[in-house]
Structures are given as C-alpha cells and as structure tokens.
Protein backbone atom coordinates (compact mmCIF):
# COMPACT_ATOMS: atom_id res chain seq x y z
CA MET A 1 -11.03 24.36 5.42
CA ILE A 2 -10.64 25.46 1.87
CA LEU A 3 -7.84 23.67 -0.37
CA PHE A 4 -6.25 25.62 -3.20
CA PRO A 5 -4.74 22.68 -5.79
CA ALA A 6 -1.31 24.59 -6.93
CA ILE A 7 -0.26 25.43 -10.54
CA ASP A 8 3.25 26.81 -10.63
CA ILE A 9 4.18 27.85 -13.95
CA LEU A 10 7.69 27.88 -15.22
CA GLU A 11 8.45 28.83 -18.83
CA GLY A 12 4.90 27.82 -19.71
CA ARG A 13 4.87 24.83 -18.12
CA ALA A 14 3.12 23.32 -14.95
CA VAL A 15 6.01 22.17 -12.45
CA ARG A 16 6.77 21.76 -8.83
CA LEU A 17 10.10 22.59 -7.35
CA LEU A 18 12.01 21.00 -4.42
CA TYR A 19 12.75 23.37 -1.63
CA GLY A 20 12.00 26.44 -4.48
CA ASP A 21 15.35 25.31 -5.99
CA ARG A 22 14.85 25.79 -9.56
CA ALA A 23 17.69 23.43 -10.61
CA ARG A 24 15.42 20.80 -9.07
CA VAL A 25 12.40 20.80 -11.11
CA THR A 26 9.73 18.02 -12.07
CA ASP A 27 7.59 18.94 -15.22
CA TYR A 28 3.75 17.96 -14.99
CA GLY A 29 3.11 19.39 -18.55
CA ASP A 30 0.33 21.77 -19.67
CA PRO A 31 -0.87 24.34 -16.87
CA VAL A 32 -4.37 24.81 -18.30
CA GLU A 33 -5.04 20.76 -18.49
CA ARG A 34 -3.69 20.51 -14.89
CA ALA A 35 -6.15 23.26 -14.04
CA LYS A 36 -8.86 21.35 -15.75
CA ARG A 37 -8.26 18.38 -14.05
CA TRP A 38 -8.35 19.78 -10.66
CA VAL A 39 -11.81 21.64 -11.55
CA ASP A 40 -13.17 18.70 -12.79
CA GLU A 41 -12.49 16.72 -9.69
CA GLY A 42 -14.20 19.53 -7.39
CA ALA A 43 -11.53 22.18 -6.86
CA GLU A 44 -13.39 25.45 -5.42
CA PHE A 45 -10.10 27.69 -5.75
CA LEU A 46 -6.96 27.26 -7.36
CA HIS A 47 -3.38 28.66 -6.17
CA VAL A 48 -1.50 29.76 -9.83
CA VAL A 49 1.92 31.27 -9.29
CA ASP A 50 4.18 32.91 -12.40
CA LEU A 51 7.67 31.15 -11.20
CA SER A 52 9.34 32.74 -14.19
CA GLY A 53 8.21 36.24 -12.82
CA ALA A 54 9.32 35.50 -9.24
CA PHE A 55 12.90 34.65 -10.82
CA GLY A 56 12.84 37.74 -12.78
CA GLN A 57 12.37 36.35 -16.20
CA ARG A 58 9.57 37.72 -18.70
CA SER A 59 6.84 35.11 -19.45
CA ALA A 60 3.27 34.85 -21.04
CA PHE A 61 1.78 34.17 -17.62
CA GLU A 62 -1.27 36.44 -17.99
CA GLY A 63 -2.32 34.78 -21.27
CA ILE A 64 -2.07 31.00 -19.15
CA LEU A 65 -3.98 32.85 -16.40
CA GLU A 66 -6.72 34.22 -18.67
CA ARG A 67 -7.31 30.43 -20.06
CA ILE A 68 -7.16 28.98 -16.44
CA ALA A 69 -9.53 31.82 -14.97
CA SER A 70 -12.18 31.36 -18.09
CA LEU A 71 -12.52 27.47 -16.42
CA GLY A 72 -14.97 29.35 -13.90
CA VAL A 73 -13.01 28.83 -10.44
CA PRO A 74 -11.55 31.74 -8.36
CA VAL A 75 -7.95 31.89 -8.83
CA GLN A 76 -5.55 32.93 -6.17
CA SER A 77 -2.27 34.28 -7.90
CA GLY A 78 1.30 35.29 -7.16
CA GLY A 79 4.88 35.47 -8.48
CA GLY A 80 6.82 38.18 -9.85
CA LEU A 81 4.59 40.95 -8.90
CA ARG A 82 6.90 44.34 -8.26
CA THR A 83 4.79 47.43 -8.88
CA ALA A 84 1.18 48.61 -8.77
CA GLU A 85 0.96 48.12 -12.56
CA ASP A 86 1.89 44.48 -12.24
CA VAL A 87 -0.96 44.13 -9.55
CA ALA A 88 -3.51 45.90 -12.02
CA ARG A 89 -2.27 43.68 -14.75
CA ARG A 90 -2.84 39.99 -12.51
CA PHE A 91 -6.13 41.27 -11.75
CA GLY A 92 -7.01 42.30 -15.64
CA ALA A 93 -6.08 38.89 -16.27
CA GLY A 94 -8.81 36.91 -14.09
CA ALA A 95 -7.09 36.75 -10.60
CA SER A 96 -9.73 36.97 -7.61
CA ARG A 97 -6.98 37.36 -5.22
CA VAL A 98 -3.52 38.33 -5.62
CA VAL A 99 -0.73 37.42 -3.51
CA LEU A 100 2.24 39.85 -2.80
CA GLY A 101 5.49 38.54 -1.32
CA THR A 102 8.88 39.80 -2.35
CA VAL A 103 7.42 43.59 -2.97
CA CYS A 104 5.86 43.56 0.84
CA VAL A 105 9.43 43.63 2.08
CA LYS A 106 11.40 45.64 -0.78
CA ASP A 107 8.85 48.11 -1.53
CA PRO A 108 5.96 48.25 1.65
CA PRO A 109 4.17 51.32 -0.03
CA VAL A 110 3.28 49.18 -3.03
CA LEU A 111 1.32 46.72 -0.24
CA ARG A 112 -0.30 49.69 1.17
CA ALA A 113 -1.62 51.34 -1.75
CA ALA A 114 -2.80 47.78 -3.18
CA VAL A 115 -4.60 47.04 0.03
CA GLU A 116 -6.27 50.48 -0.09
CA ARG A 117 -7.20 49.85 -3.55
CA TYR A 118 -8.53 46.42 -3.80
CA GLY A 119 -8.85 45.38 0.20
CA GLU A 120 -9.29 41.90 0.99
CA ARG A 121 -8.48 40.69 -2.53
CA ILE A 122 -4.69 41.34 -1.73
CA VAL A 123 -3.13 38.29 0.33
CA ALA A 124 0.13 38.51 2.06
CA GLY A 125 2.77 35.87 0.84
CA ILE A 126 4.77 35.10 4.01
CA ASP A 127 7.49 32.57 2.79
CA ALA A 128 9.89 32.06 5.61
CA LYS A 129 12.89 29.93 6.39
CA ASN A 130 13.92 29.58 10.00
CA GLY A 131 11.39 31.83 11.07
CA LYS A 132 13.02 34.71 8.74
CA LEU A 133 11.27 36.01 5.43
CA THR A 134 12.65 34.64 2.32
CA VAL A 135 12.25 36.83 -1.17
CA ARG A 136 12.94 36.71 -4.88
CA GLY A 137 11.50 33.39 -5.45
CA TRP A 138 12.87 32.54 -2.06
CA THR A 139 16.59 32.66 -3.26
CA GLU A 140 17.09 35.46 -0.79
CA GLU A 141 16.82 35.38 2.89
CA THR A 142 16.08 38.42 4.97
CA GLU A 143 16.45 39.22 8.66
CA LYS A 144 12.71 40.27 8.70
CA ASP A 145 11.01 38.38 11.60
CA ALA A 146 8.03 36.39 9.67
CA PHE A 147 5.49 36.48 12.39
CA SER A 148 6.16 40.20 13.00
CA PHE A 149 5.71 40.90 9.26
CA GLY A 150 2.16 38.66 9.49
CA CYS A 151 1.30 41.48 12.33
CA GLU A 152 2.09 44.30 10.20
CA ALA A 153 0.25 42.81 7.22
CA ARG A 154 -3.00 42.52 9.57
CA ALA A 155 -2.50 45.91 10.78
CA LEU A 156 -2.55 47.42 7.40
CA GLY A 157 -6.04 45.44 6.47
CA VAL A 158 -4.71 42.32 5.06
CA LYS A 159 -7.02 39.67 5.94
CA TYR A 160 -5.29 36.37 4.10
CA ALA A 161 -1.91 35.22 3.81
CA VAL A 162 -0.12 32.20 2.34
CA PHE A 163 2.18 30.84 4.85
CA THR A 164 5.09 28.78 3.21
CA ASP A 165 7.84 26.94 4.91
CA VAL A 166 10.25 26.97 2.45
CA SER A 167 12.36 24.08 3.94
CA ARG A 168 9.53 21.90 3.50
CA ASP A 169 8.14 22.74 -0.04
CA GLY A 170 7.46 20.32 -2.66
CA ALA A 171 9.49 17.60 -0.32
CA LEU A 172 6.11 15.81 0.87
CA SER A 173 7.91 15.83 4.17
CA GLY A 174 4.87 16.63 6.29
CA VAL A 175 3.58 20.47 6.83
CA ASN A 176 4.71 22.63 9.63
CA ALA A 177 1.47 22.74 11.64
CA GLU A 178 2.86 24.19 14.56
CA ALA A 179 4.39 27.11 12.79
CA THR A 180 1.35 27.75 10.71
CA ALA A 181 -1.16 27.98 13.78
CA ARG A 182 1.32 30.29 15.26
CA MET A 183 1.20 32.41 12.21
CA ALA A 184 -2.33 32.44 12.43
CA GLU A 185 -1.95 34.18 15.87
CA SER A 186 -1.32 37.22 14.08
CA GLY A 187 -5.10 37.65 13.07
CA LEU A 188 -4.71 36.54 9.26
CA GLN A 189 -6.65 33.89 8.04
CA ILE A 190 -3.77 31.38 6.93
CA VAL A 191 -3.49 29.29 4.11
CA ALA A 192 -0.83 26.79 4.74
CA SER A 193 1.70 25.93 2.21
CA GLY A 194 4.60 23.70 1.71
CA GLY A 195 5.36 19.95 2.62
CA ILE A 196 1.63 18.73 2.98
CA ARG A 197 1.95 14.96 2.30
CA ASP A 198 -1.36 13.23 3.28
CA TYR A 199 -4.60 13.34 4.97
CA ALA A 200 -2.81 13.49 8.46
CA ASP A 201 -1.40 16.57 7.68
CA LEU A 202 -5.07 18.29 6.48
CA ALA A 203 -6.47 16.70 9.59
CA ALA A 204 -3.62 18.42 11.76
CA LEU A 205 -4.29 21.93 10.10
CA ARG A 206 -8.15 21.48 10.58
CA ALA A 207 -7.54 20.80 14.06
CA ARG A 208 -5.64 24.06 14.85
CA GLY A 209 -8.39 25.99 12.99
CA VAL A 210 -6.31 27.18 9.65
CA TYR A 211 -8.01 28.49 6.97
CA GLY A 212 -7.02 27.03 3.86
CA ALA A 213 -4.10 24.78 2.41
CA VAL A 214 -2.32 24.83 -0.76
CA LEU A 215 -1.77 21.07 -2.29
CA GLY A 216 1.24 20.86 -4.84
CA ARG A 217 3.11 17.71 -5.03
CA SER A 218 0.96 15.70 -2.63
CA LEU A 219 -1.69 16.04 -5.79
CA TYR A 220 0.68 15.46 -8.35
CA GLU A 221 2.40 12.39 -6.83
CA GLY A 222 -1.22 11.03 -5.77
CA THR A 223 -0.55 10.83 -2.43
CA VAL A 224 -3.53 12.94 -1.86
CA ASP A 225 -6.79 12.36 -3.89
CA LEU A 226 -8.47 15.68 -4.31
CA ARG A 227 -12.04 14.60 -4.19
CA ARG A 228 -11.51 12.75 -0.87
CA ALA A 229 -9.49 15.55 0.55
CA LEU A 230 -12.42 17.94 -0.46
CA GLU A 231 -14.88 15.68 1.14
CA GLU A 232 -12.88 15.43 4.45
CA CYS A 233 -12.43 19.07 4.64
CA ARG A 234 -16.10 19.86 4.58
C-alpha cells in the first residue's frame, strides 16, 4: 500500500483543517520544509493540495509546487482546478498526477477531455459525506451518489481515485475502511483519505486491499511515524 504524506497549502502555509472547515485551521509552517521532511523520512509520493484555489481564491501555489516537485519525489496534486488550462498548468508546475474533484461534477466534459489527453495521470477526487459528493472545498453538498460517480469515472478510463470521508477528515477519528473498500468495488484503485489515526487504521485498509492512503494530521501530530508506517506497508 502506497502512503501519500499530505501537504495542504492555504495562503502559502502548510495547514490541516478539521472536517474541511476553513475556520478550524492548524498552521504547520512552511510547506516546502514539510515536504523535505517527508522526503527525508522516505516518502515515495506526496499529496499536495491548493486549498486557497479550492476555496476560490488566487494563490501562488504553482510556484510552491515547483519547489516541492524539485525534491525528486512524484507529486499528486489537486485543489482549485476548474478548466483544461488549470490542469495543464498544474502538470507544468511538476505534478505527476492531477486530482480533479469539483469540475467532475460541475463540468464533466473537462474530466473527459483530461482523461483523453493525460490518461492514468488524471485522478478522480471523490469527496463524500453520507454517501453524497461534496464540492467547492467541501462547502457544498450535492445529490450525486459517490459510488455511482466512481463507477462513471472508471468507465471513462480513470484508474485512480482519492476517496475522502469528509465527516472524518482532520479529526483523527479513525478511517472509514468499509466505505473505502466498497468504493474500490467500482474498479478504481482507491487512495483512502480522512480520519486515519494510527497503524491499526493502515492495517485495516491493507487487509481490504486498498491501493493507498493519504496521511495528514496523523503525521503532523505524531500518532503515526512515517518511517515505521512505510516499513509496515511494504
């Protein structure tokens, strides 16, 4: 199982939000320094998100992403991507994979065109609450069924998806392993995100054959040691 240390960037800072709520933010400092730390500890992939963009704000995210990508570890990146030009710019800044979330629901042709152009480098961002998709930085709930969307994305040729249980994200409340495993029944290779607290959560995901996991607050607060987690997941 591949582990993706998360670096969520808001107004140029590495942060973690509780339940995606911008008002409940913890600042963890310089994002490039955080990325260097995870790389030094053995990270094989990074998950880097433009939260400012996800909330509809302008940001200097691409410049930060370029510096992180220059560390030599592949980067999976999402947040604030609404057009084909946004996707191309994100790849141009050094992303190895690009995660599309809101645009998949609001403008499906952008997803189709991106998959046609970039293939498996496009990742579906499936952010769900009570089984329904959420969009625009999780601030807006839709009536779209998350699992149905996963099946549709797979039919388009998407291979990977980041599945986030919004009700658990940033809370260290434990991963929703059952919902994650069910999402994998769509045929997508699922990267679990939201609520991962400890090694037992990682073991539960591995036991269900989950492809990968995003580690956020568990790393920042020290409930999971990245070196140990990598060794166990190997």
